[in-house]
PDB file of N, CA and C in Angstrom:
ATOM      1  N   MET A   1      -9.399   0.454 -17.332  1.00  0.00           N
ATOM      2  CA  MET A   1     -10.051   1.702 -17.001  1.00  0.00           C
ATOM      3  C   MET A   1      -9.379   2.862 -17.728  1.00  0.00           C
ATOM      4  N   ASN A   2      -8.041   2.829 -17.772  1.00  0.00           N
ATOM      5  CA  ASN A   2      -7.346   3.923 -18.447  1.00  0.00           C
ATOM      6  C   ASN A   2      -7.677   3.986 -19.935  1.00  0.00           C
ATOM      7  N   SER A   3      -7.930   2.843 -20.562  1.00  0.00           N
ATOM      8  CA  SER A   3      -8.287   2.876 -21.988  1.00  0.00           C
ATOM      9  C   SER A   3      -9.646   3.540 -22.185  1.00  0.00           C
ATOM     10  N   ILE A   4     -10.548   3.361 -21.255  1.00  0.00           N
ATOM     11  CA  ILE A   4     -11.870   4.003 -21.350  1.00  0.00           C
ATOM     12  C   ILE A   4     -11.751   5.503 -21.094  1.00  0.00           C
ATOM     13  N   THR A   5     -11.074   5.891 -20.010  1.00  0.00           N
ATOM     14  CA  THR A   5     -10.980   7.315 -19.683  1.00  0.00           C
ATOM     15  C   THR A   5     -10.173   8.084 -20.729  1.00  0.00           C
ATOM     16  N   SER A   6      -9.211   7.426 -21.390  1.00  0.00           N
ATOM     17  CA  SER A   6      -8.407   8.131 -22.397  1.00  0.00           C
ATOM     18  C   SER A   6      -9.260   8.571 -23.579  1.00  0.00           C
ATOM     19  N   SER A   7     -10.366   7.884 -23.837  1.00  0.00           N
ATOM     20  CA  SER A   7     -11.236   8.285 -24.951  1.00  0.00           C
ATOM     21  C   SER A   7     -11.979   9.592 -24.648  1.00  0.00           C
ATOM     22  N   TYR A   8     -12.004  10.010 -23.393  1.00  0.00           N
ATOM     23  CA  TYR A   8     -12.672  11.256 -23.003  1.00  0.00           C
ATOM     24  C   TYR A   8     -11.684  12.397 -22.762  1.00  0.00           C
ATOM     25  N   GLN A   9     -10.412  12.122 -22.915  1.00  0.00           N
ATOM     26  CA  GLN A   9      -9.392  13.119 -22.582  1.00  0.00           C
ATOM     27  C   GLN A   9      -9.422  14.286 -23.560  1.00  0.00           C
ATOM     28  N   ASN A  10      -9.307  15.496 -22.993  1.00  0.00           N
ATOM     29  CA  ASN A  10      -9.175  16.709 -23.803  1.00  0.00           C
ATOM     30  C   ASN A  10      -8.409  17.734 -22.974  1.00  0.00           C
ATOM     31  N   GLU A  11      -8.078  18.864 -23.573  1.00  0.00           N
ATOM     32  CA  GLU A  11      -7.277  19.894 -22.898  1.00  0.00           C
ATOM     33  C   GLU A  11      -7.934  20.398 -21.618  1.00  0.00           C
ATOM     34  N   VAL A  12      -9.234  20.593 -21.656  1.00  0.00           N
ATOM     35  CA  VAL A  12      -9.957  21.144 -20.507  1.00  0.00           C
ATOM     36  C   VAL A  12      -9.869  20.200 -19.305  1.00  0.00           C
ATOM     37  N   MET A  13      -9.995  18.894 -19.558  1.00  0.00           N
ATOM     38  CA  MET A  13     -10.011  17.920 -18.470  1.00  0.00           C
ATOM     39  C   MET A  13      -8.614  17.577 -17.969  1.00  0.00           C
ATOM     40  N   GLY A  14      -7.592  17.788 -18.777  1.00  0.00           N
ATOM     41  CA  GLY A  14      -6.238  17.460 -18.355  1.00  0.00           C
ATOM     42  C   GLY A  14      -5.977  15.958 -18.426  1.00  0.00           C
ATOM     43  N   ASP A  15      -4.962  15.526 -17.745  1.00  0.00           N
ATOM     44  CA  ASP A  15      -4.546  14.118 -17.772  1.00  0.00           C
ATOM     45  C   ASP A  15      -5.523  13.265 -16.973  1.00  0.00           C
ATOM     46  N   LEU A  16      -6.085  12.245 -17.612  1.00  0.00           N
ATOM     47  CA  LEU A  16      -7.059  11.377 -16.956  1.00  0.00           C
ATOM     48  C   LEU A  16      -6.506  10.010 -16.605  1.00  0.00           C
ATOM     49  N   VAL A  17      -5.201   9.799 -16.788  1.00  0.00           N
ATOM     50  CA  VAL A  17      -4.608   8.500 -16.496  1.00  0.00           C
ATOM     51  C   VAL A  17      -4.686   8.224 -14.998  1.00  0.00           C
ATOM     52  N   LEU A  18      -5.206   7.049 -14.662  1.00  0.00           N
ATOM     53  CA  LEU A  18      -5.302   6.637 -13.265  1.00  0.00           C
ATOM     54  C   LEU A  18      -4.046   5.848 -12.909  1.00  0.00           C
ATOM     55  N   ASP A  19      -3.368   6.273 -11.855  1.00  0.00           N
ATOM     56  CA  ASP A  19      -2.109   5.648 -11.477  1.00  0.00           C
ATOM     57  C   ASP A  19      -1.924   5.778  -9.966  1.00  0.00           C
ATOM     58  N   PRO A  20      -1.974   4.668  -9.242  1.00  0.00           N
ATOM     59  CA  PRO A  20      -1.802   4.730  -7.791  1.00  0.00           C
ATOM     60  C   PRO A  20      -0.505   5.407  -7.352  1.00  0.00           C
ATOM     61  N   THR A  21       0.551   5.324  -8.186  1.00  0.00           N
ATOM     62  CA  THR A  21       1.842   5.893  -7.783  1.00  0.00           C
ATOM     63  C   THR A  21       1.876   7.411  -7.833  1.00  0.00           C
ATOM     64  N   ILE A  22       0.853   8.029  -8.430  1.00  0.00           N
ATOM     65  CA  ILE A  22       0.791   9.491  -8.388  1.00  0.00           C
ATOM     66  C   ILE A  22      -0.323   9.977  -7.468  1.00  0.00           C
ATOM     67  N   GLY A  23      -1.011   9.028  -6.832  1.00  0.00           N
ATOM     68  CA  GLY A  23      -1.974   9.386  -5.797  1.00  0.00           C
ATOM     69  C   GLY A  23      -3.377   9.687  -6.269  1.00  0.00           C
ATOM     70  N   ASN A  24      -3.712   9.351  -7.511  1.00  0.00           N
ATOM     71  CA  ASN A  24      -5.069   9.651  -7.971  1.00  0.00           C
ATOM     72  C   ASN A  24      -5.979   8.417  -8.002  1.00  0.00           C
ATOM     73  N   VAL A  25      -5.585   7.379  -7.260  1.00  0.00           N
ATOM     74  CA  VAL A  25      -6.408   6.182  -7.100  1.00  0.00           C
ATOM     75  C   VAL A  25      -6.523   5.901  -5.605  1.00  0.00           C
ATOM     76  N   ALA A  26      -7.740   5.671  -5.161  1.00  0.00           N
ATOM     77  CA  ALA A  26      -7.964   5.313  -3.756  1.00  0.00           C
ATOM     78  C   ALA A  26      -8.508   3.889  -3.693  1.00  0.00           C
ATOM     79  N   PHE A  27      -8.139   3.180  -2.644  1.00  0.00           N
ATOM     80  CA  PHE A  27      -8.623   1.831  -2.380  1.00  0.00           C
ATOM     81  C   PHE A  27      -9.456   1.922  -1.114  1.00  0.00           C
ATOM     82  N   GLY A  28     -10.524   1.166  -1.030  1.00  0.00           N
ATOM     83  CA  GLY A  28     -11.306   1.248   0.193  1.00  0.00           C
ATOM     84  C   GLY A  28     -12.507   0.340   0.208  1.00  0.00           C
ATOM     85  N   ALA A  29     -13.269   0.498   1.268  1.00  0.00           N
ATOM     86  CA  ALA A  29     -14.507  -0.249   1.461  1.00  0.00           C
ATOM     87  C   ALA A  29     -15.568   0.744   1.926  1.00  0.00           C
ATOM     88  N   GLY A  30     -16.433   1.128   1.003  1.00  0.00           N
ATOM     89  CA  GLY A  30     -17.474   2.096   1.327  1.00  0.00           C
ATOM     90  C   GLY A  30     -18.388   1.621   2.436  1.00  0.00           C
ATOM     91  N   LYS A  31     -18.716   0.330   2.401  1.00  0.00           N
ATOM     92  CA  LYS A  31     -19.590  -0.241   3.422  1.00  0.00           C
ATOM     93  C   LYS A  31     -18.989  -0.080   4.821  1.00  0.00           C
ATOM     94  N   ASP A  32     -17.686  -0.265   4.919  1.00  0.00           N
ATOM     95  CA  ASP A  32     -17.012  -0.167   6.218  1.00  0.00           C
ATOM     96  C   ASP A  32     -16.430   1.218   6.488  1.00  0.00           C
ATOM     97  N   GLN A  33     -16.583   2.127   5.549  1.00  0.00           N
ATOM     98  CA  GLN A  33     -16.206   3.533   5.695  1.00  0.00           C
ATOM     99  C   GLN A  33     -14.714   3.743   5.933  1.00  0.00           C
ATOM    100  N   TRP A  34     -13.877   3.123   5.093  1.00  0.00           N
ATOM    101  CA  TRP A  34     -12.450   3.392   5.159  1.00  0.00           C
ATOM    102  C   TRP A  34     -11.883   3.406   3.747  1.00  0.00           C
ATOM    103  N   ALA A  35     -10.814   4.146   3.579  1.00  0.00           N
ATOM    104  CA  ALA A  35     -10.143   4.226   2.288  1.00  0.00           C
ATOM    105  C   ALA A  35      -8.719   4.704   2.502  1.00  0.00           C
ATOM    106  N   PHE A  36      -7.894   4.470   1.500  1.00  0.00           N
ATOM    107  CA  PHE A  36      -6.511   4.937   1.546  1.00  0.00           C
ATOM    108  C   PHE A  36      -5.987   5.084   0.129  1.00  0.00           C
ATOM    109  N   THR A  37      -4.921   5.841  -0.002  1.00  0.00           N
ATOM    110  CA  THR A  37      -4.155   5.897  -1.241  1.00  0.00           C
ATOM    111  C   THR A  37      -2.771   5.350  -0.912  1.00  0.00           C
ATOM    112  N   LEU A  38      -1.957   5.139  -1.917  1.00  0.00           N
ATOM    113  CA  LEU A  38      -0.591   4.691  -1.644  1.00  0.00           C
ATOM    114  C   LEU A  38       0.146   5.711  -0.778  1.00  0.00           C
ATOM    115  N   ARG A  39      -0.191   6.992  -0.958  1.00  0.00           N
ATOM    116  CA  ARG A  39       0.469   8.042  -0.167  1.00  0.00           C
ATOM    117  C   ARG A  39       0.242   7.834   1.332  1.00  0.00           C
ATOM    118  N   THR A  40      -0.938   7.341   1.711  1.00  0.00           N
ATOM    119  CA  THR A  40      -1.246   7.085   3.124  1.00  0.00           C
ATOM    120  C   THR A  40      -0.197   6.170   3.735  1.00  0.00           C
ATOM    121  N   PHE A  41       0.069   5.060   3.065  1.00  0.00           N
ATOM    122  CA  PHE A  41       1.044   4.092   3.586  1.00  0.00           C
ATOM    123  C   PHE A  41       2.472   4.529   3.305  1.00  0.00           C
ATOM    124  N   ALA A  42       2.697   5.211   2.192  1.00  0.00           N
ATOM    125  CA  ALA A  42       4.050   5.682   1.870  1.00  0.00           C
ATOM    126  C   ALA A  42       4.558   6.645   2.938  1.00  0.00           C
ATOM    127  N   LYS A  43       3.674   7.465   3.492  1.00  0.00           N
ATOM    128  CA  LYS A  43       4.072   8.385   4.564  1.00  0.00           C
ATOM    129  C   LYS A  43       4.534   7.607   5.795  1.00  0.00           C
ATOM    130  N   ILE A  44       3.824   6.555   6.138  1.00  0.00           N
ATOM    131  CA  ILE A  44       4.190   5.740   7.303  1.00  0.00           C
ATOM    132  C   ILE A  44       5.557   5.102   7.093  1.00  0.00           C
ATOM    133  N   TYR A  45       5.718   4.449   5.939  1.00  0.00           N
ATOM    134  CA  TYR A  45       6.970   3.728   5.683  1.00  0.00           C
ATOM    135  C   TYR A  45       8.120   4.668   5.367  1.00  0.00           C
ATOM    136  N   SER A  46       7.829   5.838   4.852  1.00  0.00           N
ATOM    137  CA  SER A  46       8.867   6.830   4.591  1.00  0.00           C
ATOM    138  C   SER A  46       9.538   7.261   5.896  1.00  0.00           C
ATOM    139  N   LYS A  47       8.726   7.463   6.925  1.00  0.00           N
ATOM    140  CA  LYS A  47       9.270   7.837   8.238  1.00  0.00           C
ATOM    141  C   LYS A  47      10.156   6.732   8.801  1.00  0.00           C
ATOM    142  N   LYS A  48       9.751   5.477   8.591  1.00  0.00           N
ATOM    143  CA  LYS A  48      10.491   4.343   9.141  1.00  0.00           C
ATOM    144  C   LYS A  48      11.782   4.060   8.378  1.00  0.00           C
ATOM    145  N   THR A  49      11.789   4.323   7.061  1.00  0.00           N
ATOM    146  CA  THR A  49      12.918   3.922   6.226  1.00  0.00           C
ATOM    147  C   THR A  49      13.801   5.065   5.755  1.00  0.00           C
ATOM    148  N   GLY A  50      13.276   6.271   5.786  1.00  0.00           N
ATOM    149  CA  GLY A  50      14.040   7.402   5.266  1.00  0.00           C
ATOM    150  C   GLY A  50      13.922   7.556   3.753  1.00  0.00           C
ATOM    151  N   ILE A  51      13.146   6.694   3.105  1.00  0.00           N
ATOM    152  CA  ILE A  51      12.894   6.805   1.664  1.00  0.00           C
ATOM    153  C   ILE A  51      11.821   7.872   1.460  1.00  0.00           C
ATOM    154  N   SER A  52      11.987   8.708   0.444  1.00  0.00           N
ATOM    155  CA  SER A  52      11.007   9.769   0.205  1.00  0.00           C
ATOM    156  C   SER A  52       9.617   9.172  -0.049  1.00  0.00           C
ATOM    157  N   VAL A  53       8.595   9.949   0.250  1.00  0.00           N
ATOM    158  CA  VAL A  53       7.214   9.498   0.067  1.00  0.00           C
ATOM    159  C   VAL A  53       6.971   9.134  -1.401  1.00  0.00           C
ATOM    160  N   GLU A  54       7.435   9.979  -2.320  1.00  0.00           N
ATOM    161  CA  GLU A  54       7.211   9.728  -3.744  1.00  0.00           C
ATOM    162  C   GLU A  54       7.889   8.430  -4.193  1.00  0.00           C
ATOM    163  N   LYS A  55       9.123   8.213  -3.755  1.00  0.00           N
ATOM    164  CA  LYS A  55       9.836   6.991  -4.127  1.00  0.00           C
ATOM    165  C   LYS A  55       9.164   5.767  -3.488  1.00  0.00           C
ATOM    166  N   MET A  56       8.707   5.900  -2.250  1.00  0.00           N
ATOM    167  CA  MET A  56       8.032   4.792  -1.573  1.00  0.00           C
ATOM    168  C   MET A  56       6.721   4.455  -2.277  1.00  0.00           C
ATOM    169  N   MET A  57       6.000   5.460  -2.767  1.00  0.00           N
ATOM    170  CA  MET A  57       4.753   5.199  -3.495  1.00  0.00           C
ATOM    171  C   MET A  57       5.030   4.316  -4.713  1.00  0.00           C
ATOM    172  N   LYS A  58       6.107   4.571  -5.405  1.00  0.00           N
ATOM    173  CA  LYS A  58       6.464   3.759  -6.572  1.00  0.00           C
ATOM    174  C   LYS A  58       6.874   2.349  -6.164  1.00  0.00           C
ATOM    175  N   LYS A  59       7.507   2.202  -5.001  1.00  0.00           N
ATOM    176  CA  LYS A  59       7.924   0.882  -4.525  1.00  0.00           C
ATOM    177  C   LYS A  59       6.730   0.046  -4.060  1.00  0.00           C
ATOM    178  N   LEU A  60       5.676   0.703  -3.592  1.00  0.00           N
ATOM    179  CA  LEU A  60       4.514  -0.007  -3.077  1.00  0.00           C
ATOM    180  C   LEU A  60       3.571  -0.516  -4.173  1.00  0.00           C
ATOM    181  N   TRP A  61       3.869  -0.215  -5.435  1.00  0.00           N
ATOM    182  CA  TRP A  61       2.987  -0.619  -6.520  1.00  0.00           C
ATOM    183  C   TRP A  61       3.785  -1.327  -7.610  1.00  0.00           C
ATOM    184  N   GLY A  62       3.159  -2.264  -8.261  1.00  0.00           N
ATOM    185  CA  GLY A  62       3.795  -2.929  -9.398  1.00  0.00           C
ATOM    186  C   GLY A  62       4.684  -4.090  -8.986  1.00  0.00           C
ATOM    187  N   ASP A  63       5.654  -4.383  -9.839  1.00  0.00           N
ATOM    188  CA  ASP A  63       6.556  -5.514  -9.622  1.00  0.00           C
ATOM    189  C   ASP A  63       7.711  -5.126  -8.710  1.00  0.00           C
ATOM    190  N   ASN A  64       7.389  -4.834  -7.480  1.00  0.00           N
ATOM    191  CA  ASN A  64       8.385  -4.494  -6.475  1.00  0.00           C
ATOM    192  C   ASN A  64       8.203  -5.410  -5.281  1.00  0.00           C
ATOM    193  N   TYR A  65       9.320  -5.905  -4.778  1.00  0.00           N
ATOM    194  CA  TYR A  65       9.325  -6.874  -3.692  1.00  0.00           C
ATOM    195  C   TYR A  65      10.401  -6.463  -2.707  1.00  0.00           C
ATOM    196  N   TYR A  66      10.145  -6.691  -1.426  1.00  0.00           N
ATOM    197  CA  TYR A  66      11.167  -6.405  -0.429  1.00  0.00           C
ATOM    198  C   TYR A  66      11.623  -7.719   0.186  1.00  0.00           C
ATOM    199  N   ASP A  67      12.916  -7.971   0.071  1.00  0.00           N
ATOM    200  CA  ASP A  67      13.531  -9.166   0.639  1.00  0.00           C
ATOM    201  C   ASP A  67      13.960  -8.809   2.063  1.00  0.00           C
ATOM    202  N   LEU A  68      13.168  -9.227   3.027  1.00  0.00           N
ATOM    203  CA  LEU A  68      13.421  -8.883   4.431  1.00  0.00           C
ATOM    204  C   LEU A  68      14.747  -9.445   4.929  1.00  0.00           C
ATOM    205  N   GLU A  69      15.083 -10.678   4.515  1.00  0.00           N
ATOM    206  CA  GLU A  69      16.337 -11.283   4.959  1.00  0.00           C
ATOM    207  C   GLU A  69      17.552 -10.497   4.457  1.00  0.00           C
ATOM    208  N   ALA A  70      17.530 -10.124   3.178  1.00  0.00           N
ATOM    209  CA  ALA A  70      18.656  -9.403   2.577  1.00  0.00           C
ATOM    210  C   ALA A  70      18.542  -7.895   2.779  1.00  0.00           C
ATOM    211  N   LYS A  71      17.355  -7.443   3.248  1.00  0.00           N
ATOM    212  CA  LYS A  71      17.077  -6.022   3.422  1.00  0.00           C
ATOM    213  C   LYS A  71      17.310  -5.248   2.119  1.00  0.00           C
ATOM    214  N   LYS A  72      16.705  -5.791   1.037  1.00  0.00           N
ATOM    215  CA  LYS A  72      16.863  -5.201  -0.287  1.00  0.00           C
ATOM    216  C   LYS A  72      15.535  -5.179  -1.025  1.00  0.00           C
ATOM    217  N   TRP A  73      15.340  -4.124  -1.821  1.00  0.00           N
ATOM    218  CA  TRP A  73      14.217  -4.059  -2.739  1.00  0.00           C
ATOM    219  C   TRP A  73      14.608  -4.806  -3.997  1.00  0.00           C
ATOM    220  N   LYS A  74      13.658  -5.539  -4.562  1.00  0.00           N
ATOM    221  CA  LYS A  74      13.903  -6.324  -5.762  1.00  0.00           C
ATOM    222  C   LYS A  74      12.746  -6.146  -6.742  1.00  0.00           C
ATOM    223  N   THR A  75      13.003  -6.476  -8.000  1.00  0.00           N
ATOM    224  CA  THR A  75      11.940  -6.470  -9.003  1.00  0.00           C
ATOM    225  C   THR A  75      11.585  -7.891  -9.421  1.00  0.00           C
ATOM    226  N   GLU A  76      12.215  -8.858  -8.810  1.00  0.00           N
ATOM    227  CA  GLU A  76      11.916 -10.273  -9.053  1.00  0.00           C
ATOM    228  C   GLU A  76      11.332 -10.867  -7.773  1.00  0.00           C
ATOM    229  N   PRO A  77      10.354 -11.784  -7.884  1.00  0.00           N
ATOM    230  CA  PRO A  77       9.661 -12.313  -6.702  1.00  0.00           C
ATOM    231  C   PRO A  77      10.375 -13.448  -5.965  1.00  0.00           C
ATOM    232  N   ILE A  78      11.686 -13.518  -6.092  1.00  0.00           N
ATOM    233  CA  ILE A  78      12.448 -14.572  -5.418  1.00  0.00           C
ATOM    234  C   ILE A  78      13.524 -13.929  -4.555  1.00  0.00           C
ATOM    235  N   SER A  79      13.607 -14.362  -3.290  1.00  0.00           N
ATOM    236  CA  SER A  79      14.612 -13.811  -2.384  1.00  0.00           C
ATOM    237  C   SER A  79      15.993 -14.328  -2.761  1.00  0.00           C
ATOM    238  N   GLU A  80      17.001 -13.763  -2.140  1.00  0.00           N
ATOM    239  CA  GLU A  80      18.369 -14.208  -2.394  1.00  0.00           C
ATOM    240  C   GLU A  80      18.588 -15.653  -1.963  1.00  0.00           C
ATOM    241  N   THR A  81      17.754 -16.134  -1.046  1.00  0.00           N
ATOM    242  CA  THR A  81      17.871 -17.528  -0.600  1.00  0.00           C
ATOM    243  C   THR A  81      16.908 -18.442  -1.363  1.00  0.00           C
ATOM    244  N   GLY A  82      16.245 -17.908  -2.402  1.00  0.00           N
ATOM    245  CA  GLY A  82      15.366 -18.716  -3.234  1.00  0.00           C
ATOM    246  C   GLY A  82      13.925 -18.808  -2.764  1.00  0.00           C
ATOM    247  N   GLN A  83      13.559 -18.065  -1.738  1.00  0.00           N
ATOM    248  CA  GLN A  83      12.195 -18.085  -1.220  1.00  0.00           C
ATOM    249  C   GLN A  83      11.300 -17.131  -2.028  1.00  0.00           C
ATOM    250  N   PRO A  84      10.018 -17.495  -2.201  1.00  0.00           N
ATOM    251  CA  PRO A  84       9.109 -16.584  -2.908  1.00  0.00           C
ATOM    252  C   PRO A  84       8.830 -15.338  -2.070  1.00  0.00           C
ATOM    253  N   LEU A  85       8.700 -14.213  -2.743  1.00  0.00           N
ATOM    254  CA  LEU A  85       8.415 -12.941  -2.079  1.00  0.00           C
ATOM    255  C   LEU A  85       7.043 -12.439  -2.503  1.00  0.00           C
ATOM    256  N   ASN A  86       6.348 -11.786  -1.590  1.00  0.00           N
ATOM    257  CA  ASN A  86       5.086 -11.119  -1.911  1.00  0.00           C
ATOM    258  C   ASN A  86       5.379  -9.750  -2.498  1.00  0.00           C
ATOM    259  N   ARG A  87       4.473  -9.292  -3.352  1.00  0.00           N
ATOM    260  CA  ARG A  87       4.596  -7.919  -3.852  1.00  0.00           C
ATOM    261  C   ARG A  87       4.580  -6.966  -2.657  1.00  0.00           C
ATOM    262  N   ALA A  88       5.226  -5.839  -2.820  1.00  0.00           N
ATOM    263  CA  ALA A  88       5.283  -4.854  -1.743  1.00  0.00           C
ATOM    264  C   ALA A  88       3.877  -4.410  -1.338  1.00  0.00           C
ATOM    265  N   PHE A  89       2.951  -4.270  -2.300  1.00  0.00           N
ATOM    266  CA  PHE A  89       1.591  -3.865  -1.970  1.00  0.00           C
ATOM    267  C   PHE A  89       0.960  -4.845  -0.988  1.00  0.00           C
ATOM    268  N   VAL A  90       1.182  -6.122  -1.206  1.00  0.00           N
ATOM    269  CA  VAL A  90       0.640  -7.152  -0.312  1.00  0.00           C
ATOM    270  C   VAL A  90       1.357  -7.109   1.031  1.00  0.00           C
ATOM    271  N   GLN A  91       2.672  -7.098   1.000  1.00  0.00           N
ATOM    272  CA  GLN A  91       3.482  -7.158   2.217  1.00  0.00           C
ATOM    273  C   GLN A  91       3.275  -5.952   3.127  1.00  0.00           C
ATOM    274  N   PHE A  92       3.232  -4.776   2.534  1.00  0.00           N
ATOM    275  CA  PHE A  92       3.208  -3.552   3.343  1.00  0.00           C
ATOM    276  C   PHE A  92       1.845  -2.895   3.483  1.00  0.00           C
ATOM    277  N   ILE A  93       0.858  -3.318   2.688  1.00  0.00           N
ATOM    278  CA  ILE A  93      -0.465  -2.700   2.763  1.00  0.00           C
ATOM    279  C   ILE A  93      -1.558  -3.728   3.062  1.00  0.00           C
ATOM    280  N   LEU A  94      -1.734  -4.703   2.179  1.00  0.00           N
ATOM    281  CA  LEU A  94      -2.839  -5.654   2.377  1.00  0.00           C
ATOM    282  C   LEU A  94      -2.662  -6.503   3.629  1.00  0.00           C
ATOM    283  N   ASP A  95      -1.473  -7.052   3.844  1.00  0.00           N
ATOM    284  CA  ASP A  95      -1.271  -7.886   5.036  1.00  0.00           C
ATOM    285  C   ASP A  95      -1.523  -7.115   6.335  1.00  0.00           C
ATOM    286  N   PRO A  96      -0.993  -5.888   6.491  1.00  0.00           N
ATOM    287  CA  PRO A  96      -1.315  -5.136   7.709  1.00  0.00           C
ATOM    288  C   PRO A  96      -2.808  -4.840   7.871  1.00  0.00           C
ATOM    289  N   ILE A  97      -3.501  -4.545   6.767  1.00  0.00           N
ATOM    290  CA  ILE A  97      -4.943  -4.315   6.846  1.00  0.00           C
ATOM    291  C   ILE A  97      -5.640  -5.582   7.312  1.00  0.00           C
ATOM    292  N   LEU A  98      -5.265  -6.723   6.751  1.00  0.00           N
ATOM    293  CA  LEU A  98      -5.872  -7.995   7.152  1.00  0.00           C
ATOM    294  C   LEU A  98      -5.573  -8.327   8.611  1.00  0.00           C
ATOM    295  N   GLU A  99      -4.384  -8.000   9.091  1.00  0.00           N
ATOM    296  CA  GLU A  99      -4.046  -8.251  10.492  1.00  0.00           C
ATOM    297  C   GLU A  99      -4.962  -7.451  11.419  1.00  0.00           C
ATOM    298  N   VAL A 100      -5.173  -6.190  11.078  1.00  0.00           N
ATOM    299  CA  VAL A 100      -6.060  -5.345  11.886  1.00  0.00           C
ATOM    300  C   VAL A 100      -7.490  -5.875  11.801  1.00  0.00           C
ATOM    301  N   PHE A 101      -7.925  -6.199  10.597  1.00  0.00           N
ATOM    302  CA  PHE A 101      -9.276  -6.730  10.400  1.00  0.00           C
ATOM    303  C   PHE A 101      -9.492  -8.004  11.222  1.00  0.00           C
ATOM    304  N   GLN A 102      -8.534  -8.930  11.176  1.00  0.00           N
ATOM    305  CA  GLN A 102      -8.666 -10.183  11.929  1.00  0.00           C
ATOM    306  C   GLN A 102      -8.688  -9.936  13.439  1.00  0.00           C
ATOM    307  N   ALA A 103      -7.887  -9.001  13.901  1.00  0.00           N
ATOM    308  CA  ALA A 103      -7.890  -8.671  15.328  1.00  0.00           C
ATOM    309  C   ALA A 103      -9.242  -8.090  15.736  1.00  0.00           C
ATOM    310  N   ILE A 104      -9.811  -7.256  14.868  1.00  0.00           N
ATOM    311  CA  ILE A 104     -11.117  -6.660  15.159  1.00  0.00           C
ATOM    312  C   ILE A 104     -12.202  -7.732  15.175  1.00  0.00           C
ATOM    313  N   MET A 105     -12.190  -8.612  14.182  1.00  0.00           N
ATOM    314  CA  MET A 105     -13.217  -9.650  14.087  1.00  0.00           C
ATOM    315  C   MET A 105     -13.143 -10.638  15.251  1.00  0.00           C
ATOM    316  N   SER A 106     -11.963 -10.847  15.804  1.00  0.00           N
ATOM    317  CA  SER A 106     -11.838 -11.758  16.942  1.00  0.00           C
ATOM    318  C   SER A 106     -11.937 -11.002  18.269  1.00  0.00           C
ATOM    319  N   ASN A 107     -12.195  -9.689  18.193  1.00  0.00           N
ATOM    320  CA  ASN A 107     -12.344  -8.832  19.370  1.00  0.00           C
ATOM    321  C   ASN A 107     -11.131  -8.914  20.298  1.00  0.00           C
ATOM    322  N   ASP A 108      -9.955  -9.013  19.709  1.00  0.00           N
ATOM    323  CA  ASP A 108      -8.699  -9.071  20.460  1.00  0.00           C
ATOM    324  C   ASP A 108      -8.186  -7.643  20.636  1.00  0.00           C
ATOM    325  N   ARG A 109      -8.656  -6.994  21.698  1.00  0.00           N
ATOM    326  CA  ARG A 109      -8.342  -5.577  21.906  1.00  0.00           C
ATOM    327  C   ARG A 109      -6.842  -5.311  22.037  1.00  0.00           C
ATOM    328  N   GLU A 110      -6.131  -6.224  22.669  1.00  0.00           N
ATOM    329  CA  GLU A 110      -4.681  -6.052  22.811  1.00  0.00           C
ATOM    330  C   GLU A 110      -4.007  -6.055  21.436  1.00  0.00           C
ATOM    331  N   ALA A 111      -4.405  -6.999  20.596  1.00  0.00           N
ATOM    332  CA  ALA A 111      -3.844  -7.074  19.245  1.00  0.00           C
ATOM    333  C   ALA A 111      -4.254  -5.865  18.414  1.00  0.00           C
ATOM    334  N   ILE A 112      -5.498  -5.418  18.575  1.00  0.00           N
ATOM    335  CA  ILE A 112      -5.982  -4.240  17.848  1.00  0.00           C
ATOM    336  C   ILE A 112      -5.121  -3.039  18.197  1.00  0.00           C
ATOM    337  N   ASN A 113      -4.948  -2.795  19.474  1.00  0.00           N
ATOM    338  CA  ASN A 113      -4.151  -1.645  19.901  1.00  0.00           C
ATOM    339  C   ASN A 113      -2.707  -1.751  19.426  1.00  0.00           C
ATOM    340  N   LYS A 114      -2.136  -2.953  19.511  1.00  0.00           N
ATOM    341  CA  LYS A 114      -0.757  -3.163  19.078  1.00  0.00           C
ATOM    342  C   LYS A 114      -0.614  -2.898  17.580  1.00  0.00           C
ATOM    343  N   LYS A 115      -1.513  -3.448  16.775  1.00  0.00           N
ATOM    344  CA  LYS A 115      -1.462  -3.261  15.322  1.00  0.00           C
ATOM    345  C   LYS A 115      -1.700  -1.804  14.951  1.00  0.00           C
ATOM    346  N   ASN A 116      -2.651  -1.170  15.600  1.00  0.00           N
ATOM    347  CA  ASN A 116      -2.921   0.231  15.306  1.00  0.00           C
ATOM    348  C   ASN A 116      -1.704   1.096  15.603  1.00  0.00           C
ATOM    349  N   GLU A 117      -1.069   0.855  16.720  1.00  0.00           N
ATOM    350  CA  GLU A 117       0.132   1.614  17.082  1.00  0.00           C
ATOM    351  C   GLU A 117       1.257   1.305  16.109  1.00  0.00           C
ATOM    352  N   GLN A 118       1.455   0.039  15.811  1.00  0.00           N
ATOM    353  CA  GLN A 118       2.519  -0.394  14.907  1.00  0.00           C
ATOM    354  C   GLN A 118       2.363   0.215  13.515  1.00  0.00           C
ATOM    355  N   HIS A 119       1.131   0.267  13.027  1.00  0.00           N
ATOM    356  CA  HIS A 119       0.888   0.758  11.670  1.00  0.00           C
ATOM    357  C   HIS A 119       0.381   2.201  11.644  1.00  0.00           C
ATOM    358  N   GLN A 120       0.366   2.852  12.791  1.00  0.00           N
ATOM    359  CA  GLN A 120      -0.067   4.244  12.914  1.00  0.00           C
ATOM    360  C   GLN A 120      -1.466   4.447  12.334  1.00  0.00           C
ATOM    361  N   ILE A 121      -2.377   3.574  12.762  1.00  0.00           N
ATOM    362  CA  ILE A 121      -3.765   3.623  12.307  1.00  0.00           C
ATOM    363  C   ILE A 121      -4.626   4.187  13.427  1.00  0.00           C
ATOM    364  N   ALA A 122      -5.484   5.124  13.081  1.00  0.00           N
ATOM    365  CA  ALA A 122      -6.413   5.694  14.060  1.00  0.00           C
ATOM    366  C   ALA A 122      -7.820   5.240  13.695  1.00  0.00           C
ATOM    367  N   LEU A 123      -8.400   4.423  14.535  1.00  0.00           N
ATOM    368  CA  LEU A 123      -9.782   3.978  14.312  1.00  0.00           C
ATOM    369  C   LEU A 123     -10.720   4.861  15.115  1.00  0.00           C
ATOM    370  N   THR A 124     -11.842   5.215  14.504  1.00  0.00           N
ATOM    371  CA  THR A 124     -12.832   6.036  15.211  1.00  0.00           C
ATOM    372  C   THR A 124     -14.157   5.310  15.248  1.00  0.00           C
TER     373      THR A 124
END
């Protein structure tokens, strides 16, 4: 996409590079009426970890992995004990979304409320 938009770049339009780590890319489902940017989740995890929102946005995208056992951020997908690690985007964004989605689809209200509170999600 960036190669296409770069062909239209000029002074008037400014920088057209799409990059989730700077907040100009949104992910969502129009049919289900929800969307988010990395900043949405970075704010949640920033409060929990004390890492700045901007730094957390960079950690949530690309080749970044969190080793829960060692409590360390890594750029390689293998934990210190040799276990495979999921990308941070999957671990901290996609998996929580899927957990909420599965709770909703199974009509498990207790799980829905727990996940929403845990991930600071407000459903309307």
